[in-house]
Amino acid sequence: MFLVIIMISYKPFYETLFKKGLTEYYLIFKQGFSANTLHRIKKGEAISTKTLDALCYVLDCEVSDIIKFEKE
């Protein structure tokens, strides 16, 4: 049996939103992201690379501005 340890952090995502003066409301109601996607990010759950790509496009940023790898 394997122990699953989450090492991907979405902390940069929230920092990027703050720096750009954007909100989750904007992403849901103006850009069409699902509330479930943002809920998954908030809970530290996995999102698809397609979603990651769309976030990078909308936020005009790099992947590292949304996620980072944190090794324990």
PDB file of N, CA and C in Angstrom:
ATOM      1  N   MET A   1       0.847  -1.183   0.000  1.00  0.00           N
ATOM      2  CA  MET A   1       0.000   0.000   0.000  1.00  0.00           C
ATOM      3  C   MET A   1       0.893   1.247   0.000  1.00  0.00           C
ATOM      4  N   PHE A   2       0.481   2.261  -0.761  1.00  0.00           N
ATOM      5  CA  PHE A   2       1.244   3.493  -0.863  1.00  0.00           C
ATOM      6  C   PHE A   2       0.570   4.588  -0.057  1.00  0.00           C
ATOM      7  N   LEU A   3       1.380   5.393   0.585  1.00  0.00           N
ATOM      8  CA  LEU A   3       0.888   6.567   1.297  1.00  0.00           C
ATOM      9  C   LEU A   3       0.965   7.746   0.337  1.00  0.00           C
ATOM     10  N   VAL A   4      -0.154   8.406   0.108  1.00  0.00           N
ATOM     11  CA  VAL A   4      -0.190   9.532  -0.817  1.00  0.00           C
ATOM     12  C   VAL A   4       0.084  10.813  -0.048  1.00  0.00           C
ATOM     13  N   ILE A   5       1.139  11.489  -0.433  1.00  0.00           N
ATOM     14  CA  ILE A   5       1.499  12.760   0.182  1.00  0.00           C
ATOM     15  C   ILE A   5       1.409  13.826  -0.894  1.00  0.00           C
ATOM     16  N   ILE A   6       0.569  14.801  -0.663  1.00  0.00           N
ATOM     17  CA  ILE A   6       0.396  15.868  -1.642  1.00  0.00           C
ATOM     18  C   ILE A   6       1.553  16.843  -1.526  1.00  0.00           C
ATOM     19  N   MET A   7       2.261  17.031  -2.633  1.00  0.00           N
ATOM     20  CA  MET A   7       3.408  17.914  -2.615  1.00  0.00           C
ATOM     21  C   MET A   7       3.248  19.094  -3.566  1.00  0.00           C
ATOM     22  N   ILE A   8       2.092  19.193  -4.205  1.00  0.00           N
ATOM     23  CA  ILE A   8       1.818  20.337  -5.069  1.00  0.00           C
ATOM     24  C   ILE A   8       1.046  21.363  -4.260  1.00  0.00           C
ATOM     25  N   SER A   9       1.539  22.584  -4.252  1.00  0.00           N
ATOM     26  CA  SER A   9       0.898  23.670  -3.521  1.00  0.00           C
ATOM     27  C   SER A   9       0.332  24.683  -4.513  1.00  0.00           C
ATOM     28  N   TYR A  10      -0.854  25.185  -4.202  1.00  0.00           N
ATOM     29  CA  TYR A  10      -1.478  26.220  -5.018  1.00  0.00           C
ATOM     30  C   TYR A  10      -1.291  27.611  -4.405  1.00  0.00           C
ATOM     31  N   LYS A  11      -0.418  27.717  -3.443  1.00  0.00           N
ATOM     32  CA  LYS A  11      -0.170  29.019  -2.809  1.00  0.00           C
ATOM     33  C   LYS A  11       0.177  30.098  -3.842  1.00  0.00           C
ATOM     34  N   PRO A  12       1.027  29.792  -4.834  1.00  0.00           N
ATOM     35  CA  PRO A  12       1.333  30.818  -5.845  1.00  0.00           C
ATOM     36  C   PRO A  12       0.093  31.304  -6.605  1.00  0.00           C
ATOM     37  N   PHE A  13      -0.906  30.439  -6.775  1.00  0.00           N
ATOM     38  CA  PHE A  13      -2.132  30.822  -7.468  1.00  0.00           C
ATOM     39  C   PHE A  13      -2.803  31.991  -6.752  1.00  0.00           C
ATOM     40  N   TYR A  14      -2.947  31.870  -5.454  1.00  0.00           N
ATOM     41  CA  TYR A  14      -3.613  32.937  -4.699  1.00  0.00           C
ATOM     42  C   TYR A  14      -2.762  34.200  -4.642  1.00  0.00           C
ATOM     43  N   GLU A  15      -1.446  34.042  -4.588  1.00  0.00           N
ATOM     44  CA  GLU A  15      -0.555  35.205  -4.630  1.00  0.00           C
ATOM     45  C   GLU A  15      -0.676  35.926  -5.976  1.00  0.00           C
ATOM     46  N   THR A  16      -0.778  35.153  -7.066  1.00  0.00           N
ATOM     47  CA  THR A  16      -0.918  35.728  -8.401  1.00  0.00           C
ATOM     48  C   THR A  16      -2.252  36.450  -8.545  1.00  0.00           C
ATOM     49  N   LEU A  17      -3.332  35.838  -8.061  1.00  0.00           N
ATOM     50  CA  LEU A  17      -4.630  36.510  -8.097  1.00  0.00           C
ATOM     51  C   LEU A  17      -4.555  37.854  -7.373  1.00  0.00           C
ATOM     52  N   PHE A  18      -3.953  37.847  -6.185  1.00  0.00           N
ATOM     53  CA  PHE A  18      -3.846  39.067  -5.381  1.00  0.00           C
ATOM     54  C   PHE A  18      -3.030  40.136  -6.114  1.00  0.00           C
ATOM     55  N   LYS A  19      -1.881  39.744  -6.653  1.00  0.00           N
ATOM     56  CA  LYS A  19      -1.016  40.695  -7.361  1.00  0.00           C
ATOM     57  C   LYS A  19      -1.716  41.321  -8.561  1.00  0.00           C
ATOM     58  N   LYS A  20      -2.570  40.544  -9.225  1.00  0.00           N
ATOM     59  CA  LYS A  20      -3.259  41.038 -10.412  1.00  0.00           C
ATOM     60  C   LYS A  20      -4.597  41.696 -10.078  1.00  0.00           C
ATOM     61  N   GLY A  21      -4.949  41.711  -8.790  1.00  0.00           N
ATOM     62  CA  GLY A  21      -6.191  42.337  -8.365  1.00  0.00           C
ATOM     63  C   GLY A  21      -7.431  41.599  -8.845  1.00  0.00           C
ATOM     64  N   LEU A  22      -7.325  40.275  -8.967  1.00  0.00           N
ATOM     65  CA  LEU A  22      -8.440  39.468  -9.454  1.00  0.00           C
ATOM     66  C   LEU A  22      -9.013  38.615  -8.327  1.00  0.00           C
ATOM     67  N   THR A  23     -10.214  38.111  -8.549  1.00  0.00           N
ATOM     68  CA  THR A  23     -10.885  37.296  -7.540  1.00  0.00           C
ATOM     69  C   THR A  23     -11.358  35.979  -8.144  1.00  0.00           C
ATOM     70  N   GLU A  24     -11.755  35.054  -7.273  1.00  0.00           N
ATOM     71  CA  GLU A  24     -12.354  33.810  -7.728  1.00  0.00           C
ATOM     72  C   GLU A  24     -13.661  34.118  -8.460  1.00  0.00           C
ATOM     73  N   TYR A  25     -14.389  35.107  -8.006  1.00  0.00           N
ATOM     74  CA  TYR A  25     -15.635  35.528  -8.649  1.00  0.00           C
ATOM     75  C   TYR A  25     -15.372  35.854 -10.122  1.00  0.00           C
ATOM     76  N   TYR A  26     -14.305  36.597 -10.370  1.00  0.00           N
ATOM     77  CA  TYR A  26     -13.927  36.950 -11.746  1.00  0.00           C
ATOM     78  C   TYR A  26     -13.690  35.701 -12.584  1.00  0.00           C
ATOM     79  N   LEU A  27     -12.954  34.738 -12.021  1.00  0.00           N
ATOM     80  CA  LEU A  27     -12.642  33.523 -12.774  1.00  0.00           C
ATOM     81  C   LEU A  27     -13.896  32.704 -13.078  1.00  0.00           C
ATOM     82  N   ILE A  28     -14.835  32.675 -12.132  1.00  0.00           N
ATOM     83  CA  ILE A  28     -16.055  31.889 -12.322  1.00  0.00           C
ATOM     84  C   ILE A  28     -17.033  32.597 -13.261  1.00  0.00           C
ATOM     85  N   PHE A  29     -17.368  33.838 -12.937  1.00  0.00           N
ATOM     86  CA  PHE A  29     -18.453  34.508 -13.642  1.00  0.00           C
ATOM     87  C   PHE A  29     -18.033  35.298 -14.882  1.00  0.00           C
ATOM     88  N   LYS A  30     -16.763  35.658 -14.982  1.00  0.00           N
ATOM     89  CA  LYS A  30     -16.306  36.411 -16.160  1.00  0.00           C
ATOM     90  C   LYS A  30     -15.480  35.556 -17.120  1.00  0.00           C
ATOM     91  N   GLN A  31     -14.800  34.537 -16.586  1.00  0.00           N
ATOM     92  CA  GLN A  31     -13.934  33.707 -17.436  1.00  0.00           C
ATOM     93  C   GLN A  31     -14.450  32.289 -17.636  1.00  0.00           C
ATOM     94  N   GLY A  32     -15.514  31.910 -16.924  1.00  0.00           N
ATOM     95  CA  GLY A  32     -16.143  30.620 -17.167  1.00  0.00           C
ATOM     96  C   GLY A  32     -15.541  29.406 -16.486  1.00  0.00           C
ATOM     97  N   PHE A  33     -14.667  29.605 -15.505  1.00  0.00           N
ATOM     98  CA  PHE A  33     -14.149  28.460 -14.754  1.00  0.00           C
ATOM     99  C   PHE A  33     -15.250  27.952 -13.834  1.00  0.00           C
ATOM    100  N   SER A  34     -15.271  26.661 -13.582  1.00  0.00           N
ATOM    101  CA  SER A  34     -16.310  26.123 -12.707  1.00  0.00           C
ATOM    102  C   SER A  34     -15.947  26.386 -11.248  1.00  0.00           C
ATOM    103  N   ALA A  35     -16.986  26.552 -10.448  1.00  0.00           N
ATOM    104  CA  ALA A  35     -16.777  26.731  -9.010  1.00  0.00           C
ATOM    105  C   ALA A  35     -16.107  25.488  -8.430  1.00  0.00           C
ATOM    106  N   ASN A  36     -16.405  24.323  -9.014  1.00  0.00           N
ATOM    107  CA  ASN A  36     -15.793  23.084  -8.550  1.00  0.00           C
ATOM    108  C   ASN A  36     -14.275  23.101  -8.754  1.00  0.00           C
ATOM    109  N   THR A  37     -13.828  23.659  -9.854  1.00  0.00           N
ATOM    110  CA  THR A  37     -12.388  23.758 -10.106  1.00  0.00           C
ATOM    111  C   THR A  37     -11.712  24.587  -9.024  1.00  0.00           C
ATOM    112  N   LEU A  38     -12.290  25.722  -8.704  1.00  0.00           N
ATOM    113  CA  LEU A  38     -11.690  26.572  -7.679  1.00  0.00           C
ATOM    114  C   LEU A  38     -11.801  25.932  -6.295  1.00  0.00           C
ATOM    115  N   HIS A  39     -12.849  25.166  -6.077  1.00  0.00           N
ATOM    116  CA  HIS A  39     -12.985  24.426  -4.822  1.00  0.00           C
ATOM    117  C   HIS A  39     -11.864  23.390  -4.715  1.00  0.00           C
ATOM    118  N   ARG A  40     -11.583  22.708  -5.821  1.00  0.00           N
ATOM    119  CA  ARG A  40     -10.502  21.708  -5.823  1.00  0.00           C
ATOM    120  C   ARG A  40      -9.150  22.360  -5.537  1.00  0.00           C
ATOM    121  N   ILE A  41      -8.918  23.521  -6.115  1.00  0.00           N
ATOM    122  CA  ILE A  41      -7.669  24.241  -5.860  1.00  0.00           C
ATOM    123  C   ILE A  41      -7.580  24.614  -4.380  1.00  0.00           C
ATOM    124  N   LYS A  42      -8.674  25.139  -3.852  1.00  0.00           N
ATOM    125  CA  LYS A  42      -8.699  25.559  -2.448  1.00  0.00           C
ATOM    126  C   LYS A  42      -8.423  24.396  -1.503  1.00  0.00           C
ATOM    127  N   LYS A  43      -8.902  23.203  -1.867  1.00  0.00           N
ATOM    128  CA  LYS A  43      -8.709  22.008  -1.033  1.00  0.00           C
ATOM    129  C   LYS A  43      -7.382  21.308  -1.317  1.00  0.00           C
ATOM    130  N   GLY A  44      -6.614  21.833  -2.289  1.00  0.00           N
ATOM    131  CA  GLY A  44      -5.319  21.233  -2.619  1.00  0.00           C
ATOM    132  C   GLY A  44      -5.446  19.956  -3.425  1.00  0.00           C
ATOM    133  N   GLU A  45      -6.565  19.783  -4.103  1.00  0.00           N
ATOM    134  CA  GLU A  45      -6.787  18.586  -4.909  1.00  0.00           C
ATOM    135  C   GLU A  45      -6.270  18.805  -6.334  1.00  0.00           C
ATOM    136  N   ALA A  46      -6.190  17.721  -7.072  1.00  0.00           N
ATOM    137  CA  ALA A  46      -5.634  17.768  -8.425  1.00  0.00           C
ATOM    138  C   ALA A  46      -6.554  18.506  -9.402  1.00  0.00           C
ATOM    139  N   ILE A  47      -5.929  19.210 -10.336  1.00  0.00           N
ATOM    140  CA  ILE A  47      -6.634  19.796 -11.470  1.00  0.00           C
ATOM    141  C   ILE A  47      -5.934  19.299 -12.728  1.00  0.00           C
ATOM    142  N   SER A  48      -6.609  19.355 -13.840  1.00  0.00           N
ATOM    143  CA  SER A  48      -6.020  18.851 -15.081  1.00  0.00           C
ATOM    144  C   SER A  48      -5.002  19.841 -15.648  1.00  0.00           C
ATOM    145  N   THR A  49      -4.138  19.330 -16.513  1.00  0.00           N
ATOM    146  CA  THR A  49      -3.184  20.214 -17.183  1.00  0.00           C
ATOM    147  C   THR A  49      -3.915  21.160 -18.123  1.00  0.00           C
ATOM    148  N   LYS A  50      -5.066  20.738 -18.634  1.00  0.00           N
ATOM    149  CA  LYS A  50      -5.882  21.610 -19.473  1.00  0.00           C
ATOM    150  C   LYS A  50      -6.363  22.821 -18.666  1.00  0.00           C
ATOM    151  N   THR A  51      -6.796  22.578 -17.433  1.00  0.00           N
ATOM    152  CA  THR A  51      -7.222  23.673 -16.547  1.00  0.00           C
ATOM    153  C   THR A  51      -6.039  24.561 -16.195  1.00  0.00           C
ATOM    154  N   LEU A  52      -4.907  23.951 -15.923  1.00  0.00           N
ATOM    155  CA  LEU A  52      -3.695  24.706 -15.607  1.00  0.00           C
ATOM    156  C   LEU A  52      -3.310  25.595 -16.784  1.00  0.00           C
ATOM    157  N   ASP A  53      -3.402  25.061 -17.982  1.00  0.00           N
ATOM    158  CA  ASP A  53      -3.115  25.821 -19.193  1.00  0.00           C
ATOM    159  C   ASP A  53      -4.079  27.000 -19.333  1.00  0.00           C
ATOM    160  N   ALA A  54      -5.361  26.758 -19.090  1.00  0.00           N
ATOM    161  CA  ALA A  54      -6.369  27.820 -19.202  1.00  0.00           C
ATOM    162  C   ALA A  54      -6.128  28.912 -18.161  1.00  0.00           C
ATOM    163  N   LEU A  55      -5.756  28.522 -16.956  1.00  0.00           N
ATOM    164  CA  LEU A  55      -5.462  29.514 -15.915  1.00  0.00           C
ATOM    165  C   LEU A  55      -4.257  30.371 -16.304  1.00  0.00           C
ATOM    166  N   CYS A  56      -3.218  29.727 -16.830  1.00  0.00           N
ATOM    167  CA  CYS A  56      -2.034  30.472 -17.272  1.00  0.00           C
ATOM    168  C   CYS A  56      -2.410  31.479 -18.356  1.00  0.00           C
ATOM    169  N   TYR A  57      -3.276  31.074 -19.278  1.00  0.00           N
ATOM    170  CA  TYR A  57      -3.694  31.955 -20.362  1.00  0.00           C
ATOM    171  C   TYR A  57      -4.482  33.150 -19.818  1.00  0.00           C
ATOM    172  N   VAL A  58      -5.478  32.872 -18.996  1.00  0.00           N
ATOM    173  CA  VAL A  58      -6.341  33.933 -18.461  1.00  0.00           C
ATOM    174  C   VAL A  58      -5.562  34.881 -17.543  1.00  0.00           C
ATOM    175  N   LEU A  59      -4.680  34.323 -16.732  1.00  0.00           N
ATOM    176  CA  LEU A  59      -3.916  35.148 -15.791  1.00  0.00           C
ATOM    177  C   LEU A  59      -2.642  35.706 -16.409  1.00  0.00           C
ATOM    178  N   ASP A  60      -2.346  35.320 -17.652  1.00  0.00           N
ATOM    179  CA  ASP A  60      -1.140  35.762 -18.345  1.00  0.00           C
ATOM    180  C   ASP A  60       0.091  35.530 -17.468  1.00  0.00           C
ATOM    181  N   CYS A  61       0.282  34.261 -17.107  1.00  0.00           N
ATOM    182  CA  CYS A  61       1.374  33.925 -16.195  1.00  0.00           C
ATOM    183  C   CYS A  61       1.973  32.569 -16.561  1.00  0.00           C
ATOM    184  N   GLU A  62       2.986  32.184 -15.821  1.00  0.00           N
ATOM    185  CA  GLU A  62       3.659  30.902 -15.993  1.00  0.00           C
ATOM    186  C   GLU A  62       3.051  29.867 -15.046  1.00  0.00           C
ATOM    187  N   VAL A  63       3.300  28.594 -15.320  1.00  0.00           N
ATOM    188  CA  VAL A  63       2.818  27.520 -14.447  1.00  0.00           C
ATOM    189  C   VAL A  63       3.307  27.735 -13.022  1.00  0.00           C
ATOM    190  N   SER A  64       4.535  28.188 -12.864  1.00  0.00           N
ATOM    191  CA  SER A  64       5.100  28.409 -11.526  1.00  0.00           C
ATOM    192  C   SER A  64       4.396  29.535 -10.767  1.00  0.00           C
ATOM    193  N   ASP A  65       3.579  30.323 -11.461  1.00  0.00           N
ATOM    194  CA  ASP A  65       2.781  31.350 -10.797  1.00  0.00           C
ATOM    195  C   ASP A  65       1.464  30.784 -10.274  1.00  0.00           C
ATOM    196  N   ILE A  66       1.222  29.494 -10.534  1.00  0.00           N
ATOM    197  CA  ILE A  66      -0.015  28.855 -10.095  1.00  0.00           C
ATOM    198  C   ILE A  66       0.249  27.703  -9.134  1.00  0.00           C
ATOM    199  N   ILE A  67       1.251  26.891  -9.448  1.00  0.00           N
ATOM    200  CA  ILE A  67       1.576  25.752  -8.586  1.00  0.00           C
ATOM    201  C   ILE A  67       3.073  25.728  -8.282  1.00  0.00           C
ATOM    202  N   LYS A  68       3.392  25.029  -7.196  1.00  0.00           N
ATOM    203  CA  LYS A  68       4.797  24.767  -6.915  1.00  0.00           C
ATOM    204  C   LYS A  68       4.911  23.412  -6.215  1.00  0.00           C
ATOM    205  N   PHE A  69       6.037  22.792  -6.412  1.00  0.00           N
ATOM    206  CA  PHE A  69       6.321  21.486  -5.812  1.00  0.00           C
ATOM    207  C   PHE A  69       6.990  21.717  -4.462  1.00  0.00           C
ATOM    208  N   GLU A  70       6.413  21.136  -3.422  1.00  0.00           N
ATOM    209  CA  GLU A  70       6.993  21.251  -2.081  1.00  0.00           C
ATOM    210  C   GLU A  70       7.339  19.866  -1.567  1.00  0.00           C
ATOM    211  N   LYS A  71       8.610  19.574  -1.551  1.00  0.00           N
ATOM    212  CA  LYS A  71       9.050  18.265  -1.051  1.00  0.00           C
ATOM    213  C   LYS A  71       9.209  18.348   0.458  1.00  0.00           C
ATOM    214  N   GLU A  72       8.609  17.362   1.125  1.00  0.00           N
ATOM    215  CA  GLU A  72       8.688  17.367   2.594  1.00  0.00           C
ATOM    216  C   GLU A  72      10.044  16.968   3.080  1.00  0.00           C
TER     217      GLU A  72
END
